Amino acid sequence: MKENNTKNAFECLDDLEYVYDASVFKAFGKCWIDKNRFVEAITNARDALTQELEKARKIEIREQKIYEEAENKKEEMIRETEEMIANLDPVKEAELFAQQIVEKAQEEAERIHMEALETRDNTISHGEKVKNELINQGHQFLENVLKNSLITYEENQKLLFESLESHREKLIVAYEEIAPMVKSDNEETPQAS
């Protein structure tokens, strides 16, 4: 059972500790362990260490190669620069420098122009969005005012009818109470005359 493909060296060393901890008998500084498990754990640890060292060696070789390539590139760039300086005369150098400045200025102007266009477009887009939100809020406000007005009108009409009905009922009750008195007074008044 080879587990070194999935375990690193430290995990294999942990396995060795496990084999020791799982030993059958410990006394007088000695212990009995399962020889096969111990040999397997050591073999796995050795294989894992070998793989780790091989990886480290490959990384070291790759780093050395990158370093050498960078050194070569640096030396080549220095040589090219020295050759270029030796071949340039001051007038051509000044013209090249001026041309580079003009090109950079044109690139920067173009970048600023593009940013200004983008900012303008974003501002217009944002303005449109805010305008639409305000219009929607205005419509919603008017709709709510109209709903509340209709509800208020309907509620007031209902309250008025309820009040009129209540007063009508009170008038009927009052009339029913007063009518017999008025009849009896009317009947008494002609007799007294």
C-alpha atoms as a PDB file:
ATOM      1  CA  MET A   1       0.000   0.000   0.000  1.00  0.00           C
ATOM      2  CA  LYS A   2       1.963   3.037  -1.273  1.00  0.00           C
ATOM      3  CA  GLU A   3       0.581   6.325  -0.034  1.00  0.00           C
ATOM      4  CA  ASN A   4       3.529   8.538  -0.902  1.00  0.00           C
ATOM      5  CA  ASN A   5       1.739   9.894  -3.986  1.00  0.00           C
ATOM      6  CA  THR A   6      -0.891  11.591  -1.852  1.00  0.00           C
ATOM      7  CA  LYS A   7       1.101  12.413   1.295  1.00  0.00           C
ATOM      8  CA  ASN A   8       3.929  14.847   1.751  1.00  0.00           C
ATOM      9  CA  ALA A   9       7.039  14.085   3.804  1.00  0.00           C
ATOM     10  CA  PHE A  10       5.659  15.581   6.997  1.00  0.00           C
ATOM     11  CA  GLU A  11       2.510  13.460   6.823  1.00  0.00           C
ATOM     12  CA  CYS A  12       4.663  10.348   6.388  1.00  0.00           C
ATOM     13  CA  LEU A  13       6.704  11.326   9.455  1.00  0.00           C
ATOM     14  CA  ASP A  14       3.423  11.697  11.321  1.00  0.00           C
ATOM     15  CA  ASP A  15       2.664   8.114  10.288  1.00  0.00           C
ATOM     16  CA  LEU A  16       5.938   7.032  11.914  1.00  0.00           C
ATOM     17  CA  GLU A  17       4.824   8.685  15.146  1.00  0.00           C
ATOM     18  CA  TYR A  18       1.506   6.874  14.849  1.00  0.00           C
ATOM     19  CA  VAL A  19       3.280   3.509  14.462  1.00  0.00           C
ATOM     20  CA  TYR A  20       5.287   4.276  17.604  1.00  0.00           C
ATOM     21  CA  ASP A  21       2.205   5.433  19.547  1.00  0.00           C
ATOM     22  CA  ALA A  22       0.364   2.273  18.486  1.00  0.00           C
ATOM     23  CA  SER A  23       3.149  -0.010  19.739  1.00  0.00           C
ATOM     24  CA  VAL A  24       2.009  -2.964  21.805  1.00  0.00           C
ATOM     25  CA  PHE A  25       4.349  -2.720  24.735  1.00  0.00           C
ATOM     26  CA  LYS A  26       6.390   0.178  26.074  1.00  0.00           C
ATOM     27  CA  ALA A  27       8.679  -0.273  29.013  1.00  0.00           C
ATOM     28  CA  PHE A  28      12.216   0.551  30.058  1.00  0.00           C
ATOM     29  CA  GLY A  29      12.615   2.901  27.098  1.00  0.00           C
ATOM     30  CA  LYS A  30      11.839   0.123  24.617  1.00  0.00           C
ATOM     31  CA  CYS A  31       8.723  -0.818  22.683  1.00  0.00           C
ATOM     32  CA  TRP A  32       7.406  -3.544  20.413  1.00  0.00           C
ATOM     33  CA  ILE A  33       6.091  -2.290  17.124  1.00  0.00           C
ATOM     34  CA  ASP A  34       4.675  -3.887  14.011  1.00  0.00           C
ATOM     35  CA  LYS A  35       7.738  -4.290  11.811  1.00  0.00           C
ATOM     36  CA  ASN A  36       5.787  -4.248   8.527  1.00  0.00           C
ATOM     37  CA  ARG A  37       3.935  -1.035   9.424  1.00  0.00           C
ATOM     38  CA  PHE A  38       7.178   0.587  10.575  1.00  0.00           C
ATOM     39  CA  VAL A  39       9.066  -0.378   7.401  1.00  0.00           C
ATOM     40  CA  GLU A  40       6.147   0.795   5.253  1.00  0.00           C
ATOM     41  CA  ALA A  41       6.027   4.148   7.091  1.00  0.00           C
ATOM     42  CA  ILE A  42       9.807   4.635   6.684  1.00  0.00           C
ATOM     43  CA  THR A  43       9.620   3.685   2.990  1.00  0.00           C
ATOM     44  CA  ASN A  44       6.756   6.120   2.444  1.00  0.00           C
ATOM     45  CA  ALA A  45       8.649   8.881   4.290  1.00  0.00           C
ATOM     46  CA  ARG A  46      11.812   8.221   2.253  1.00  0.00           C
ATOM     47  CA  ASP A  47       9.838   8.263  -1.023  1.00  0.00           C
ATOM     48  CA  ALA A  48       8.012  11.429  -0.030  1.00  0.00           C
ATOM     49  CA  LEU A  49      11.272  13.147   0.974  1.00  0.00           C
ATOM     50  CA  THR A  50      12.830  12.079  -2.323  1.00  0.00           C
ATOM     51  CA  GLN A  51       9.895  13.571  -4.224  1.00  0.00           C
ATOM     52  CA  GLU A  52      10.023  16.793  -2.165  1.00  0.00           C
ATOM     53  CA  LEU A  53      13.785  17.113  -2.770  1.00  0.00           C
ATOM     54  CA  GLU A  54      13.304  16.458  -6.491  1.00  0.00           C
ATOM     55  CA  LYS A  55      10.637  19.172  -6.663  1.00  0.00           C
ATOM     56  CA  ALA A  56      12.929  21.566  -4.794  1.00  0.00           C
ATOM     57  CA  ARG A  57      15.796  20.714  -7.168  1.00  0.00           C
ATOM     58  CA  LYS A  58      13.602  21.370 -10.223  1.00  0.00           C
ATOM     59  CA  ILE A  59      12.469  24.689  -8.745  1.00  0.00           C
ATOM     60  CA  GLU A  60      16.081  25.656  -8.026  1.00  0.00           C
ATOM     61  CA  ILE A  61      17.123  24.757 -11.605  1.00  0.00           C
ATOM     62  CA  ARG A  62      14.194  26.742 -13.019  1.00  0.00           C
ATOM     63  CA  GLU A  63      15.040  29.752 -10.839  1.00  0.00           C
ATOM     64  CA  GLN A  64      18.711  29.560 -11.872  1.00  0.00           C
ATOM     65  CA  LYS A  65      17.691  29.420 -15.538  1.00  0.00           C
ATOM     66  CA  ILE A  66      15.376  32.441 -15.120  1.00  0.00           C
ATOM     67  CA  TYR A  67      18.150  34.327 -13.333  1.00  0.00           C
ATOM     68  CA  GLU A  68      20.662  33.520 -16.094  1.00  0.00           C
ATOM     69  CA  GLU A  69      18.186  34.566 -18.791  1.00  0.00           C
ATOM     70  CA  ALA A  70      17.538  37.837 -16.954  1.00  0.00           C
ATOM     71  CA  GLU A  71      21.289  38.472 -16.632  1.00  0.00           C
ATOM     72  CA  ASN A  72      21.795  37.766 -20.346  1.00  0.00           C
ATOM     73  CA  LYS A  73      18.889  40.043 -21.266  1.00  0.00           C
ATOM     74  CA  LYS A  74      20.270  42.788 -19.024  1.00  0.00           C
ATOM     75  CA  GLU A  75      23.736  42.543 -20.600  1.00  0.00           C
ATOM     76  CA  GLU A  76      22.215  42.533 -24.089  1.00  0.00           C
ATOM     77  CA  MET A  77      20.132  45.627 -23.305  1.00  0.00           C
ATOM     78  CA  ILE A  78      23.213  47.398 -21.929  1.00  0.00           C
ATOM     79  CA  ARG A  79      25.178  46.562 -25.098  1.00  0.00           C
ATOM     80  CA  GLU A  80      22.326  47.738 -27.343  1.00  0.00           C
ATOM     81  CA  THR A  81      21.967  50.959 -25.382  1.00  0.00           C
ATOM     82  CA  GLU A  82      25.692  51.643 -25.509  1.00  0.00           C
ATOM     83  CA  GLU A  83      25.690  51.007 -29.273  1.00  0.00           C
ATOM     84  CA  MET A  84      22.692  53.268 -29.743  1.00  0.00           C
ATOM     85  CA  ILE A  85      24.332  56.045 -27.746  1.00  0.00           C
ATOM     86  CA  ALA A  86      27.530  55.676 -29.747  1.00  0.00           C
ATOM     87  CA  ASN A  87      25.620  55.873 -33.049  1.00  0.00           C
ATOM     88  CA  LEU A  88      23.435  58.858 -32.157  1.00  0.00           C
ATOM     89  CA  ASP A  89      24.370  62.396 -32.815  1.00  0.00           C
ATOM     90  CA  PRO A  90      22.943  65.129 -30.581  1.00  0.00           C
ATOM     91  CA  VAL A  91      20.609  66.591 -33.226  1.00  0.00           C
ATOM     92  CA  LYS A  92      19.051  63.230 -34.086  1.00  0.00           C
ATOM     93  CA  GLU A  93      18.800  62.402 -30.410  1.00  0.00           C
ATOM     94  CA  ALA A  94      17.003  65.685 -29.716  1.00  0.00           C
ATOM     95  CA  GLU A  95      14.649  65.090 -32.665  1.00  0.00           C
ATOM     96  CA  LEU A  96      13.857  61.557 -31.455  1.00  0.00           C
ATOM     97  CA  PHE A  97      13.288  62.842 -27.940  1.00  0.00           C
ATOM     98  CA  ALA A  98      11.011  65.624 -29.225  1.00  0.00           C
ATOM     99  CA  GLN A  99       9.129  63.144 -31.394  1.00  0.00           C
ATOM    100  CA  GLN A 100       8.631  60.852 -28.384  1.00  0.00           C
ATOM    101  CA  ILE A 101       7.331  63.788 -26.352  1.00  0.00           C
ATOM    102  CA  VAL A 102       4.884  64.745 -29.132  1.00  0.00           C
ATOM    103  CA  GLU A 103       3.681  61.136 -29.470  1.00  0.00           C
ATOM    104  CA  LYS A 104       3.190  60.840 -25.716  1.00  0.00           C
ATOM    105  CA  ALA A 105       1.345  64.163 -25.656  1.00  0.00           C
ATOM    106  CA  GLN A 106      -0.921  63.019 -28.493  1.00  0.00           C
ATOM    107  CA  GLU A 107      -1.598  59.718 -26.716  1.00  0.00           C
ATOM    108  CA  GLU A 108      -2.366  61.571 -23.475  1.00  0.00           C
ATOM    109  CA  ALA A 109      -4.638  64.029 -25.302  1.00  0.00           C
ATOM    110  CA  GLU A 110      -6.491  61.135 -26.925  1.00  0.00           C
ATOM    111  CA  ARG A 111      -6.836  59.381 -23.555  1.00  0.00           C
ATOM    112  CA  ILE A 112      -8.156  62.573 -21.917  1.00  0.00           C
ATOM    113  CA  HIS A 113     -10.566  63.092 -24.820  1.00  0.00           C
ATOM    114  CA  MET A 114     -11.866  59.513 -24.497  1.00  0.00           C
ATOM    115  CA  GLU A 115     -12.256  59.920 -20.726  1.00  0.00           C
ATOM    116  CA  ALA A 116     -14.145  63.193 -21.286  1.00  0.00           C
ATOM    117  CA  LEU A 117     -16.478  61.478 -23.764  1.00  0.00           C
ATOM    118  CA  GLU A 118     -17.001  58.607 -21.361  1.00  0.00           C
ATOM    119  CA  THR A 119     -17.647  61.019 -18.474  1.00  0.00           C
ATOM    120  CA  ARG A 120     -20.102  62.968 -20.639  1.00  0.00           C
ATOM    121  CA  ASP A 121     -21.924  59.788 -21.628  1.00  0.00           C
ATOM    122  CA  ASN A 122     -22.020  58.591 -18.025  1.00  0.00           C
ATOM    123  CA  THR A 123     -23.299  61.988 -16.857  1.00  0.00           C
ATOM    124  CA  ILE A 124     -26.021  62.037 -19.519  1.00  0.00           C
ATOM    125  CA  SER A 125     -26.964  58.465 -18.688  1.00  0.00           C
ATOM    126  CA  HIS A 126     -27.091  59.268 -14.988  1.00  0.00           C
ATOM    127  CA  GLY A 127     -29.121  62.422 -15.687  1.00  0.00           C
ATOM    128  CA  GLU A 128     -31.608  60.414 -17.741  1.00  0.00           C
ATOM    129  CA  LYS A 129     -31.861  57.857 -14.979  1.00  0.00           C
ATOM    130  CA  VAL A 130     -32.448  60.545 -12.324  1.00  0.00           C
ATOM    131  CA  LYS A 131     -34.990  62.296 -14.595  1.00  0.00           C
ATOM    132  CA  ASN A 132     -36.901  59.035 -15.136  1.00  0.00           C
ATOM    133  CA  GLU A 133     -36.830  58.281 -11.412  1.00  0.00           C
ATOM    134  CA  LEU A 134     -38.169  61.778 -10.617  1.00  0.00           C
ATOM    135  CA  ILE A 135     -40.901  61.417 -13.238  1.00  0.00           C
ATOM    136  CA  ASN A 136     -41.871  58.026 -11.811  1.00  0.00           C
ATOM    137  CA  GLN A 137     -41.870  59.440  -8.284  1.00  0.00           C
ATOM    138  CA  GLY A 138     -44.026  62.364  -9.482  1.00  0.00           C
ATOM    139  CA  HIS A 139     -46.494  59.991 -11.130  1.00  0.00           C
ATOM    140  CA  GLN A 140     -46.570  57.852  -8.007  1.00  0.00           C
ATOM    141  CA  PHE A 141     -47.155  60.939  -5.823  1.00  0.00           C
ATOM    142  CA  LEU A 142     -49.985  62.173  -8.043  1.00  0.00           C
ATOM    143  CA  GLU A 143     -51.514  58.708  -8.126  1.00  0.00           C
ATOM    144  CA  ASN A 144     -51.379  58.506  -4.329  1.00  0.00           C
ATOM    145  CA  VAL A 145     -52.881  62.025  -3.966  1.00  0.00           C
ATOM    146  CA  LEU A 146     -55.698  61.126  -6.350  1.00  0.00           C
ATOM    147  CA  LYS A 147     -56.348  57.837  -4.559  1.00  0.00           C
ATOM    148  CA  ASN A 148     -56.376  59.612  -1.199  1.00  0.00           C
ATOM    149  CA  SER A 149     -58.678  62.334  -2.603  1.00  0.00           C
ATOM    150  CA  LEU A 150     -61.101  59.734  -3.938  1.00  0.00           C
ATOM    151  CA  ILE A 151     -60.991  57.843  -0.692  1.00  0.00           C
ATOM    152  CA  THR A 152     -61.477  61.075   1.264  1.00  0.00           C
ATOM    153  CA  TYR A 153     -64.420  62.100  -0.947  1.00  0.00           C
ATOM    154  CA  GLU A 154     -66.015  58.665  -0.656  1.00  0.00           C
ATOM    155  CA  GLU A 155     -65.389  58.563   3.103  1.00  0.00           C
ATOM    156  CA  ASN A 156     -66.821  62.086   3.552  1.00  0.00           C
ATOM    157  CA  GLN A 157     -69.886  61.197   1.485  1.00  0.00           C
ATOM    158  CA  LYS A 158     -70.393  58.070   3.585  1.00  0.00           C
ATOM    159  CA  LEU A 159     -69.970  60.032   6.851  1.00  0.00           C
ATOM    160  CA  LEU A 160     -72.455  62.665   5.616  1.00  0.00           C
ATOM    161  CA  PHE A 161     -75.059  60.004   4.758  1.00  0.00           C
ATOM    162  CA  GLU A 162     -74.498  58.296   8.105  1.00  0.00           C
ATOM    163  CA  SER A 163     -74.881  61.640   9.899  1.00  0.00           C
ATOM    164  CA  LEU A 164     -78.052  62.480   7.953  1.00  0.00           C
ATOM    165  CA  GLU A 165     -79.470  59.027   8.694  1.00  0.00           C
ATOM    166  CA  SER A 166     -78.631  59.440  12.386  1.00  0.00           C
ATOM    167  CA  HIS A 167     -80.322  62.895  12.515  1.00  0.00           C
ATOM    168  CA  ARG A 168     -83.350  61.564  10.588  1.00  0.00           C
ATOM    169  CA  GLU A 169     -83.716  58.755  13.119  1.00  0.00           C
ATOM    170  CA  LYS A 170     -83.422  61.245  15.993  1.00  0.00           C
ATOM    171  CA  LEU A 171     -86.021  63.503  14.354  1.00  0.00           C
ATOM    172  CA  ILE A 172     -88.381  60.554  13.948  1.00  0.00           C
ATOM    173  CA  VAL A 173     -87.937  59.614  17.595  1.00  0.00           C
ATOM    174  CA  ALA A 174     -88.411  63.249  18.686  1.00  0.00           C
ATOM    175  CA  TYR A 175     -91.473  63.555  16.465  1.00  0.00           C
ATOM    176  CA  GLU A 176     -92.944  60.374  17.884  1.00  0.00           C
ATOM    177  CA  GLU A 177     -92.412  61.749  21.404  1.00  0.00           C
ATOM    178  CA  ILE A 178     -93.762  65.220  20.656  1.00  0.00           C
ATOM    179  CA  ALA A 179     -96.642  64.227  18.350  1.00  0.00           C
ATOM    180  CA  PRO A 180     -98.847  62.823  21.123  1.00  0.00           C
ATOM    181  CA  MET A 181     -98.187  65.938  23.225  1.00  0.00           C
ATOM    182  CA  VAL A 182     -99.016  68.250  20.365  1.00  0.00           C
ATOM    183  CA  LYS A 183    -102.217  66.294  19.630  1.00  0.00           C
ATOM    184  CA  SER A 184    -103.269  66.430  23.224  1.00  0.00           C
ATOM    185  CA  ASP A 185    -102.526  70.157  23.416  1.00  0.00           C
ATOM    186  CA  ASN A 186    -104.479  70.719  20.194  1.00  0.00           C
ATOM    187  CA  GLU A 187    -107.368  68.743  21.536  1.00  0.00           C
ATOM    188  CA  GLU A 188    -107.314  70.646  24.835  1.00  0.00           C
ATOM    189  CA  THR A 189    -107.011  74.060  23.219  1.00  0.00           C
ATOM    190  CA  PRO A 190    -110.302  73.944  21.238  1.00  0.00           C
ATOM    191  CA  GLN A 191    -112.196  72.834  24.297  1.00  0.00           C
ATOM    192  CA  ALA A 192    -110.888  75.683  26.329  1.00  0.00           C
ATOM    193  CA  SER A 193    -112.125  78.201  23.832  1.00  0.00           C
END
